[in-house]
């Protein structure tokens, strides 16, 4: 099963609220990935994000589920700014966990 999360509806034009990231992580992302489902984060309409937001959103699933999370967590409609931040967080997580 695939779970699509329309990020703009939840965070607006700029992803910076870590409490929203935490809620999404705990209530949707982690449970879905733990059940073997795919999670698609659709960033259509989101112009930017902070590194702390993306880290709060995906670092725990990656730390707990490792490659399972990396293989089932997808990003859609990311602009260059958002994609750059996601890449930084992924590099950091891979280095810290030696995935």
PDB file of N, CA and C in Angstrom:
ATOM      1  N   UNK A   1       0.846  -1.179   0.000  1.00  0.00           N
ATOM      2  CA  UNK A   1       0.000   0.000   0.000  1.00  0.00           C
ATOM      3  C   UNK A   1       0.894   1.247   0.000  1.00  0.00           C
ATOM      4  N   UNK A   2       0.405   2.291  -0.625  1.00  0.00           N
ATOM      5  CA  UNK A   2       1.128   3.557  -0.676  1.00  0.00           C
ATOM      6  C   UNK A   2       0.339   4.618   0.078  1.00  0.00           C
ATOM      7  N   UNK A   3       1.040   5.396   0.886  1.00  0.00           N
ATOM      8  CA  UNK A   3       0.435   6.520   1.585  1.00  0.00           C
ATOM      9  C   UNK A   3       1.026   7.801   1.019  1.00  0.00           C
ATOM     10  N   UNK A   4       0.165   8.639   0.446  1.00  0.00           N
ATOM     11  CA  UNK A   4       0.590   9.917  -0.122  1.00  0.00           C
ATOM     12  C   UNK A   4       0.295  11.022   0.888  1.00  0.00           C
ATOM     13  N   UNK A   5       1.306  11.805   1.195  1.00  0.00           N
ATOM     14  CA  UNK A   5       1.141  12.943   2.096  1.00  0.00           C
ATOM     15  C   UNK A   5       1.344  14.213   1.290  1.00  0.00           C
ATOM     16  N   UNK A   6       0.298  15.005   1.158  1.00  0.00           N
ATOM     17  CA  UNK A   6       0.364  16.294   0.457  1.00  0.00           C
ATOM     18  C   UNK A   6       0.906  17.333   1.444  1.00  0.00           C
ATOM     19  N   UNK A   7       2.179  17.584   1.358  1.00  0.00           N
ATOM     20  CA  UNK A   7       2.866  18.412   2.340  1.00  0.00           C
ATOM     21  C   UNK A   7       2.350  19.853   2.381  1.00  0.00           C
ATOM     22  N   UNK A   8       2.060  20.435   1.235  1.00  0.00           N
ATOM     23  CA  UNK A   8       1.628  21.843   1.205  1.00  0.00           C
ATOM     24  C   UNK A   8       0.365  22.059   2.034  1.00  0.00           C
ATOM     25  N   UNK A   9      -0.537  21.097   2.013  1.00  0.00           N
ATOM     26  CA  UNK A   9      -1.772  21.223   2.793  1.00  0.00           C
ATOM     27  C   UNK A   9      -1.484  21.273   4.291  1.00  0.00           C
ATOM     28  N   UNK A  10      -0.384  20.676   4.701  1.00  0.00           N
ATOM     29  CA  UNK A  10      -0.060  20.575   6.119  1.00  0.00           C
ATOM     30  C   UNK A  10       0.941  21.619   6.600  1.00  0.00           C
ATOM     31  N   UNK A  11       1.805  22.083   5.691  1.00  0.00           N
ATOM     32  CA  UNK A  11       2.882  22.976   6.118  1.00  0.00           C
ATOM     33  C   UNK A  11       2.913  24.317   5.404  1.00  0.00           C
ATOM     34  N   UNK A  12       2.145  24.458   4.344  1.00  0.00           N
ATOM     35  CA  UNK A  12       2.172  25.712   3.598  1.00  0.00           C
ATOM     36  C   UNK A  12       3.346  25.789   2.641  1.00  0.00           C
ATOM     37  N   UNK A  13       3.771  27.014   2.328  1.00  0.00           N
ATOM     38  CA  UNK A  13       4.810  27.239   1.326  1.00  0.00           C
ATOM     39  C   UNK A  13       6.224  26.898   1.799  1.00  0.00           C
ATOM     40  N   UNK A  14       6.435  26.913   3.123  1.00  0.00           N
ATOM     41  CA  UNK A  14       7.782  26.705   3.647  1.00  0.00           C
ATOM     42  C   UNK A  14       7.741  25.724   4.814  1.00  0.00           C
ATOM     43  N   UNK A  15       8.507  24.654   4.706  1.00  0.00           N
ATOM     44  CA  UNK A  15       8.526  23.595   5.722  1.00  0.00           C
ATOM     45  C   UNK A  15       9.537  23.935   6.804  1.00  0.00           C
ATOM     46  N   UNK A  16       9.039  24.360   7.963  1.00  0.00           N
ATOM     47  CA  UNK A  16       9.949  24.728   9.040  1.00  0.00           C
ATOM     48  C   UNK A  16       9.462  24.309  10.423  1.00  0.00           C
ATOM     49  N   UNK A  17       8.203  23.965  10.577  1.00  0.00           N
ATOM     50  CA  UNK A  17       7.646  23.639  11.885  1.00  0.00           C
ATOM     51  C   UNK A  17       7.992  22.200  12.262  1.00  0.00           C
ATOM     52  N   UNK A  18       8.932  22.043  13.192  1.00  0.00           N
ATOM     53  CA  UNK A  18       9.386  20.706  13.582  1.00  0.00           C
ATOM     54  C   UNK A  18       8.306  19.921  14.306  1.00  0.00           C
ATOM     55  N   UNK A  19       7.367  20.600  14.941  1.00  0.00           N
ATOM     56  CA  UNK A  19       6.273  19.887  15.610  1.00  0.00           C
ATOM     57  C   UNK A  19       5.363  19.205  14.588  1.00  0.00           C
ATOM     58  N   UNK A  20       5.140  19.855  13.462  1.00  0.00           N
ATOM     59  CA  UNK A  20       4.363  19.240  12.384  1.00  0.00           C
ATOM     60  C   UNK A  20       5.130  18.046  11.824  1.00  0.00           C
ATOM     61  N   UNK A  21       6.431  18.216  11.638  1.00  0.00           N
ATOM     62  CA  UNK A  21       7.265  17.109  11.146  1.00  0.00           C
ATOM     63  C   UNK A  21       7.209  15.928  12.104  1.00  0.00           C
ATOM     64  N   UNK A  22       7.310  16.196  13.383  1.00  0.00           N
ATOM     65  CA  UNK A  22       7.262  15.138  14.394  1.00  0.00           C
ATOM     66  C   UNK A  22       5.922  14.404  14.357  1.00  0.00           C
ATOM     67  N   UNK A  23       4.840  15.165  14.252  1.00  0.00           N
ATOM     68  CA  UNK A  23       3.502  14.561  14.210  1.00  0.00           C
ATOM     69  C   UNK A  23       3.352  13.664  12.974  1.00  0.00           C
ATOM     70  N   UNK A  24       3.780  14.154  11.821  1.00  0.00           N
ATOM     71  CA  UNK A  24       3.724  13.347  10.593  1.00  0.00           C
ATOM     72  C   UNK A  24       4.571  12.084  10.734  1.00  0.00           C
ATOM     73  N   UNK A  25       5.755  12.242  11.299  1.00  0.00           N
ATOM     74  CA  UNK A  25       6.655  11.108  11.489  1.00  0.00           C
ATOM     75  C   UNK A  25       6.027  10.049  12.388  1.00  0.00           C
ATOM     76  N   UNK A  26       5.494  10.483  13.521  1.00  0.00           N
ATOM     77  CA  UNK A  26       4.977   9.539  14.510  1.00  0.00           C
ATOM     78  C   UNK A  26       3.625   8.946  14.135  1.00  0.00           C
ATOM     79  N   UNK A  27       2.775   9.743  13.477  1.00  0.00           N
ATOM     80  CA  UNK A  27       1.419   9.280  13.207  1.00  0.00           C
ATOM     81  C   UNK A  27       1.241   8.627  11.838  1.00  0.00           C
ATOM     82  N   UNK A  28       2.092   8.964  10.875  1.00  0.00           N
ATOM     83  CA  UNK A  28       1.910   8.415   9.529  1.00  0.00           C
ATOM     84  C   UNK A  28       3.150   7.687   9.021  1.00  0.00           C
ATOM     85  N   UNK A  29       4.285   8.364   9.022  1.00  0.00           N
ATOM     86  CA  UNK A  29       5.468   7.810   8.359  1.00  0.00           C
ATOM     87  C   UNK A  29       5.965   6.532   9.035  1.00  0.00           C
ATOM     88  N   UNK A  30       6.271   6.598  10.324  1.00  0.00           N
ATOM     89  CA  UNK A  30       6.798   5.414  11.006  1.00  0.00           C
ATOM     90  C   UNK A  30       5.818   4.240  10.998  1.00  0.00           C
ATOM     91  N   UNK A  31       4.539   4.457  11.345  1.00  0.00           N
ATOM     92  CA  UNK A  31       3.616   3.318  11.305  1.00  0.00           C
ATOM     93  C   UNK A  31       3.487   2.709   9.909  1.00  0.00           C
ATOM     94  N   UNK A  32       3.426   3.543   8.886  1.00  0.00           N
ATOM     95  CA  UNK A  32       3.284   3.039   7.520  1.00  0.00           C
ATOM     96  C   UNK A  32       4.505   2.238   7.089  1.00  0.00           C
ATOM     97  N   UNK A  33       5.688   2.788   7.321  1.00  0.00           N
ATOM     98  CA  UNK A  33       6.911   2.082   6.941  1.00  0.00           C
ATOM     99  C   UNK A  33       7.073   0.793   7.741  1.00  0.00           C
ATOM    100  N   UNK A  34       6.721   0.832   9.022  1.00  0.00           N
ATOM    101  CA  UNK A  34       6.833  -0.362   9.869  1.00  0.00           C
ATOM    102  C   UNK A  34       5.923  -1.488   9.396  1.00  0.00           C
ATOM    103  N   UNK A  35       4.823  -1.123   8.771  1.00  0.00           N
ATOM    104  CA  UNK A  35       3.891  -2.123   8.236  1.00  0.00           C
ATOM    105  C   UNK A  35       4.292  -2.588   6.841  1.00  0.00           C
ATOM    106  N   UNK A  36       5.397  -2.063   6.320  1.00  0.00           N
ATOM    107  CA  UNK A  36       5.870  -2.468   5.003  1.00  0.00           C
ATOM    108  C   UNK A  36       5.292  -1.653   3.860  1.00  0.00           C
ATOM    109  N   UNK A  37       4.623  -0.554   4.179  1.00  0.00           N
ATOM    110  CA  UNK A  37       4.010   0.294   3.160  1.00  0.00           C
ATOM    111  C   UNK A  37       4.995   1.347   2.657  1.00  0.00           C
ATOM    112  N   UNK A  38       4.716   1.878   1.483  1.00  0.00           N
ATOM    113  CA  UNK A  38       5.480   2.991   0.937  1.00  0.00           C
ATOM    114  C   UNK A  38       4.859   4.301   1.400  1.00  0.00           C
ATOM    115  N   UNK A  39       5.699   5.306   1.568  1.00  0.00           N
ATOM    116  CA  UNK A  39       5.235   6.641   1.924  1.00  0.00           C
ATOM    117  C   UNK A  39       5.773   7.606   0.878  1.00  0.00           C
ATOM    118  N   UNK A  40       4.869   8.374   0.289  1.00  0.00           N
ATOM    119  CA  UNK A  40       5.238   9.366  -0.714  1.00  0.00           C
ATOM    120  C   UNK A  40       4.963  10.750  -0.126  1.00  0.00           C
ATOM    121  N   UNK A  41       6.010  11.538  -0.008  1.00  0.00           N
ATOM    122  CA  UNK A  41       5.877  12.907   0.478  1.00  0.00           C
ATOM    123  C   UNK A  41       5.838  13.823  -0.740  1.00  0.00           C
ATOM    124  N   UNK A  42       4.665  14.386  -1.003  1.00  0.00           N
ATOM    125  CA  UNK A  42       4.463  15.234  -2.180  1.00  0.00           C
ATOM    126  C   UNK A  42       4.658  16.697  -1.778  1.00  0.00           C
ATOM    127  N   UNK A  43       5.729  17.291  -2.272  1.00  0.00           N
ATOM    128  CA  UNK A  43       6.093  18.661  -1.916  1.00  0.00           C
ATOM    129  C   UNK A  43       5.595  19.688  -2.936  1.00  0.00           C
ATOM    130  N   UNK A  44       4.610  19.350  -3.725  1.00  0.00           N
ATOM    131  CA  UNK A  44       4.070  20.311  -4.701  1.00  0.00           C
ATOM    132  C   UNK A  44       3.612  21.573  -3.980  1.00  0.00           C
ATOM    133  N   UNK A  45       4.097  22.731  -4.434  1.00  0.00           N
ATOM    134  CA  UNK A  45       3.727  24.014  -3.849  1.00  0.00           C
ATOM    135  C   UNK A  45       4.592  24.441  -2.675  1.00  0.00           C
ATOM    136  N   UNK A  46       5.481  23.570  -2.219  1.00  0.00           N
ATOM    137  CA  UNK A  46       6.376  23.914  -1.112  1.00  0.00           C
ATOM    138  C   UNK A  46       7.645  24.503  -1.717  1.00  0.00           C
ATOM    139  N   UNK A  47       7.935  25.750  -1.363  1.00  0.00           N
ATOM    140  CA  UNK A  47       9.056  26.465  -1.960  1.00  0.00           C
ATOM    141  C   UNK A  47      10.388  26.174  -1.287  1.00  0.00           C
ATOM    142  N   UNK A  48      10.355  25.829  -0.010  1.00  0.00           N
ATOM    143  CA  UNK A  48      11.594  25.593   0.702  1.00  0.00           C
ATOM    144  C   UNK A  48      11.357  24.829   1.985  1.00  0.00           C
ATOM    145  N   UNK A  49      12.456  24.411   2.602  1.00  0.00           N
ATOM    146  CA  UNK A  49      12.392  23.662   3.849  1.00  0.00           C
ATOM    147  C   UNK A  49      13.665  23.907   4.637  1.00  0.00           C
ATOM    148  N   UNK A  50      13.558  23.803   5.944  1.00  0.00           N
ATOM    149  CA  UNK A  50      14.754  23.875   6.767  1.00  0.00           C
ATOM    150  C   UNK A  50      15.327  22.475   6.923  1.00  0.00           C
ATOM    151  N   UNK A  51      16.620  22.421   7.162  1.00  0.00           N
ATOM    152  CA  UNK A  51      17.258  21.133   7.394  1.00  0.00           C
ATOM    153  C   UNK A  51      16.679  20.475   8.647  1.00  0.00           C
ATOM    154  N   UNK A  52      16.376  21.269   9.659  1.00  0.00           N
ATOM    155  CA  UNK A  52      15.831  20.706  10.900  1.00  0.00           C
ATOM    156  C   UNK A  52      14.449  20.102  10.681  1.00  0.00           C
ATOM    157  N   UNK A  53      13.650  20.673   9.789  1.00  0.00           N
ATOM    158  CA  UNK A  53      12.338  20.093   9.481  1.00  0.00           C
ATOM    159  C   UNK A  53      12.489  18.725   8.825  1.00  0.00           C
ATOM    160  N   UNK A  54      13.316  18.647   7.788  1.00  0.00           N
ATOM    161  CA  UNK A  54      13.506  17.383   7.070  1.00  0.00           C
ATOM    162  C   UNK A  54      14.129  16.349   8.005  1.00  0.00           C
ATOM    163  N   UNK A  55      15.075  16.770   8.817  1.00  0.00           N
ATOM    164  CA  UNK A  55      15.693  15.858   9.773  1.00  0.00           C
ATOM    165  C   UNK A  55      14.644  15.316  10.748  1.00  0.00           C
ATOM    166  N   UNK A  56      13.804  16.190  11.285  1.00  0.00           N
ATOM    167  CA  UNK A  56      12.746  15.755  12.210  1.00  0.00           C
ATOM    168  C   UNK A  56      11.744  14.833  11.519  1.00  0.00           C
ATOM    169  N   UNK A  57      11.567  15.010  10.238  1.00  0.00           N
ATOM    170  CA  UNK A  57      10.596  14.229   9.471  1.00  0.00           C
ATOM    171  C   UNK A  57      11.080  12.811   9.185  1.00  0.00           C
ATOM    172  N   UNK A  58      12.343  12.653   8.797  1.00  0.00           N
ATOM    173  CA  UNK A  58      12.779  11.352   8.277  1.00  0.00           C
ATOM    174  C   UNK A  58      13.948  10.695   9.003  1.00  0.00           C
ATOM    175  N   UNK A  59      14.650  11.390   9.880  1.00  0.00           N
ATOM    176  CA  UNK A  59      15.850  10.780  10.474  1.00  0.00           C
ATOM    177  C   UNK A  59      15.522   9.584  11.361  1.00  0.00           C
ATOM    178  N   UNK A  60      14.484   9.673  12.157  1.00  0.00           N
ATOM    179  CA  UNK A  60      14.145   8.548  13.027  1.00  0.00           C
ATOM    180  C   UNK A  60      13.717   7.310  12.233  1.00  0.00           C
ATOM    181  N   UNK A  61      12.847   7.448  11.220  1.00  0.00           N
ATOM    182  CA  UNK A  61      12.539   6.262  10.417  1.00  0.00           C
ATOM    183  C   UNK A  61      13.783   5.642   9.781  1.00  0.00           C
ATOM    184  N   UNK A  62      14.694   6.467   9.307  1.00  0.00           N
ATOM    185  CA  UNK A  62      15.915   5.937   8.701  1.00  0.00           C
ATOM    186  C   UNK A  62      16.788   5.267   9.760  1.00  0.00           C
ATOM    187  N   UNK A  63      16.888   5.879  10.922  1.00  0.00           N
ATOM    188  CA  UNK A  63      17.704   5.304  11.999  1.00  0.00           C
ATOM    189  C   UNK A  63      17.131   3.965  12.465  1.00  0.00           C
ATOM    190  N   UNK A  64      15.809   3.894  12.604  1.00  0.00           N
ATOM    191  CA  UNK A  64      15.177   2.676  13.121  1.00  0.00           C
ATOM    192  C   UNK A  64      15.048   1.572  12.074  1.00  0.00           C
ATOM    193  N   UNK A  65      14.690   1.962  10.859  1.00  0.00           N
ATOM    194  CA  UNK A  65      14.365   0.961   9.834  1.00  0.00           C
ATOM    195  C   UNK A  65      15.441   0.820   8.766  1.00  0.00           C
ATOM    196  N   UNK A  66      16.428   1.698   8.818  1.00  0.00           N
ATOM    197  CA  UNK A  66      17.567   1.661   7.903  1.00  0.00           C
ATOM    198  C   UNK A  66      17.150   1.545   6.437  1.00  0.00           C
ATOM    199  N   UNK A  67      17.664   0.534   5.753  1.00  0.00           N
ATOM    200  CA  UNK A  67      17.414   0.398   4.312  1.00  0.00           C
ATOM    201  C   UNK A  67      15.944   0.224   3.975  1.00  0.00           C
ATOM    202  N   UNK A  68      15.164  -0.383   4.881  1.00  0.00           N
ATOM    203  CA  UNK A  68      13.722  -0.515   4.627  1.00  0.00           C
ATOM    204  C   UNK A  68      13.084   0.863   4.453  1.00  0.00           C
ATOM    205  N   UNK A  69      13.493   1.813   5.286  1.00  0.00           N
ATOM    206  CA  UNK A  69      12.965   3.178   5.160  1.00  0.00           C
ATOM    207  C   UNK A  69      13.466   3.831   3.883  1.00  0.00           C
ATOM    208  N   UNK A  70      14.746   3.658   3.590  1.00  0.00           N
ATOM    209  CA  UNK A  70      15.315   4.276   2.390  1.00  0.00           C
ATOM    210  C   UNK A  70      14.660   3.746   1.122  1.00  0.00           C
ATOM    211  N   UNK A  71      14.258   2.493   1.130  1.00  0.00           N
ATOM    212  CA  UNK A  71      13.655   1.887  -0.058  1.00  0.00           C
ATOM    213  C   UNK A  71      12.171   2.188  -0.215  1.00  0.00           C
ATOM    214  N   UNK A  72      11.498   2.613   0.865  1.00  0.00           N
ATOM    215  CA  UNK A  72      10.046   2.822   0.786  1.00  0.00           C
ATOM    216  C   UNK A  72       9.607   4.254   1.066  1.00  0.00           C
ATOM    217  N   UNK A  73      10.555   5.162   1.200  1.00  0.00           N
ATOM    218  CA  UNK A  73      10.252   6.568   1.433  1.00  0.00           C
ATOM    219  C   UNK A  73      10.581   7.337   0.161  1.00  0.00           C
ATOM    220  N   UNK A  74       9.559   7.964  -0.434  1.00  0.00           N
ATOM    221  CA  UNK A  74       9.707   8.645  -1.715  1.00  0.00           C
ATOM    222  C   UNK A  74       9.345  10.120  -1.583  1.00  0.00           C
ATOM    223  N   UNK A  75       9.925  10.913  -2.471  1.00  0.00           N
ATOM    224  CA  UNK A  75       9.677  12.352  -2.507  1.00  0.00           C
ATOM    225  C   UNK A  75       9.203  12.713  -3.897  1.00  0.00           C
ATOM    226  N   UNK A  76       8.159  13.510  -3.953  1.00  0.00           N
ATOM    227  CA  UNK A  76       7.551  13.875  -5.238  1.00  0.00           C
ATOM    228  C   UNK A  76       7.457  15.400  -5.315  1.00  0.00           C
ATOM    229  N   UNK A  77       7.657  15.926  -6.507  1.00  0.00           N
ATOM    230  CA  UNK A  77       7.497  17.366  -6.770  1.00  0.00           C
ATOM    231  C   UNK A  77       8.381  18.231  -5.874  1.00  0.00           C
ATOM    232  N   UNK A  78       9.617  17.801  -5.660  1.00  0.00           N
ATOM    233  CA  UNK A  78      10.547  18.621  -4.884  1.00  0.00           C
ATOM    234  C   UNK A  78      11.277  19.566  -5.829  1.00  0.00           C
ATOM    235  N   UNK A  79      11.332  20.835  -5.460  1.00  0.00           N
ATOM    236  CA  UNK A  79      12.132  21.763  -6.256  1.00  0.00           C
ATOM    237  C   UNK A  79      13.602  21.598  -5.862  1.00  0.00           C
ATOM    238  N   UNK A  80      14.483  22.321  -6.499  1.00  0.00           N
ATOM    239  CA  UNK A  80      15.919  22.178  -6.237  1.00  0.00           C
ATOM    240  C   UNK A  80      16.275  22.475  -4.782  1.00  0.00           C
ATOM    241  N   UNK A  81      15.618  23.486  -4.197  1.00  0.00           N
ATOM    242  CA  UNK A  81      15.915  23.858  -2.811  1.00  0.00           C
ATOM    243  C   UNK A  81      15.558  22.730  -1.843  1.00  0.00           C
ATOM    244  N   UNK A  82      14.356  22.196  -1.976  1.00  0.00           N
ATOM    245  CA  UNK A  82      13.901  21.129  -1.085  1.00  0.00           C
ATOM    246  C   UNK A  82      14.727  19.869  -1.317  1.00  0.00           C
ATOM    247  N   UNK A  83      14.999  19.541  -2.569  1.00  0.00           N
ATOM    248  CA  UNK A  83      15.792  18.346  -2.873  1.00  0.00           C
ATOM    249  C   UNK A  83      17.192  18.446  -2.285  1.00  0.00           C
ATOM    250  N   UNK A  84      17.757  19.632  -2.310  1.00  0.00           N
ATOM    251  CA  UNK A  84      19.085  19.847  -1.748  1.00  0.00           C
ATOM    252  C   UNK A  84      19.091  19.576  -0.244  1.00  0.00           C
ATOM    253  N   UNK A  85      18.093  20.048   0.454  1.00  0.00           N
ATOM    254  CA  UNK A  85      17.996  19.836   1.900  1.00  0.00           C
ATOM    255  C   UNK A  85      17.807  18.345   2.200  1.00  0.00           C
ATOM    256  N   UNK A  86      16.960  17.669   1.440  1.00  0.00           N
ATOM    257  CA  UNK A  86      16.748  16.231   1.629  1.00  0.00           C
ATOM    258  C   UNK A  86      18.065  15.487   1.427  1.00  0.00           C
ATOM    259  N   UNK A  87      18.808  15.863   0.405  1.00  0.00           N
ATOM    260  CA  UNK A  87      20.092  15.211   0.126  1.00  0.00           C
ATOM    261  C   UNK A  87      21.086  15.395   1.272  1.00  0.00           C
ATOM    262  N   UNK A  88      21.125  16.588   1.848  1.00  0.00           N
ATOM    263  CA  UNK A  88      22.015  16.853   2.977  1.00  0.00           C
ATOM    264  C   UNK A  88      21.661  15.955   4.155  1.00  0.00           C
ATOM    265  N   UNK A  89      20.375  15.847   4.454  1.00  0.00           N
ATOM    266  CA  UNK A  89      19.936  15.008   5.579  1.00  0.00           C
ATOM    267  C   UNK A  89      20.251  13.539   5.305  1.00  0.00           C
ATOM    268  N   UNK A  90      20.026  13.080   4.090  1.00  0.00           N
ATOM    269  CA  UNK A  90      20.329  11.687   3.746  1.00  0.00           C
ATOM    270  C   UNK A  90      21.820  11.403   3.867  1.00  0.00           C
ATOM    271  N   UNK A  91      22.657  12.315   3.390  1.00  0.00           N
ATOM    272  CA  UNK A  91      24.107  12.119   3.503  1.00  0.00           C
ATOM    273  C   UNK A  91      24.523  12.032   4.970  1.00  0.00           C
ATOM    274  N   UNK A  92      23.983  12.931   5.768  1.00  0.00           N
ATOM    275  CA  UNK A  92      24.290  12.930   7.194  1.00  0.00           C
ATOM    276  C   UNK A  92      23.867  11.609   7.840  1.00  0.00           C
ATOM    277  N   UNK A  93      22.665  11.146   7.537  1.00  0.00           N
ATOM    278  CA  UNK A  93      22.166   9.910   8.142  1.00  0.00           C
ATOM    279  C   UNK A  93      23.002   8.709   7.679  1.00  0.00           C
ATOM    280  N   UNK A  94      23.364   8.673   6.414  1.00  0.00           N
ATOM    281  CA  UNK A  94      24.157   7.559   5.920  1.00  0.00           C
ATOM    282  C   UNK A  94      25.544   7.537   6.556  1.00  0.00           C
ATOM    283  N   UNK A  95      26.132   8.703   6.747  1.00  0.00           N
ATOM    284  CA  UNK A  95      27.440   8.769   7.386  1.00  0.00           C
ATOM    285  C   UNK A  95      27.362   8.375   8.859  1.00  0.00           C
ATOM    286  N   UNK A  96      26.332   8.847   9.540  1.00  0.00           N
ATOM    287  CA  UNK A  96      26.229   8.577  10.977  1.00  0.00           C
ATOM    288  C   UNK A  96      25.860   7.125  11.269  1.00  0.00           C
ATOM    289  N   UNK A  97      25.170   6.478  10.339  1.00  0.00           N
ATOM    290  CA  UNK A  97      24.753   5.085  10.550  1.00  0.00           C
ATOM    291  C   UNK A  97      25.586   4.098   9.764  1.00  0.00           C
ATOM    292  N   UNK A  98      26.437   4.609   8.875  1.00  0.00           N
ATOM    293  CA  UNK A  98      27.233   3.752   7.990  1.00  0.00           C
ATOM    294  C   UNK A  98      26.346   2.733   7.290  1.00  0.00           C
ATOM    295  N   UNK A  99      25.270   3.256   6.664  1.00  0.00           N
ATOM    296  CA  UNK A  99      24.322   2.400   5.932  1.00  0.00           C
ATOM    297  C   UNK A  99      24.952   1.920   4.652  1.00  0.00           C
TER     298      UNK A  99
END
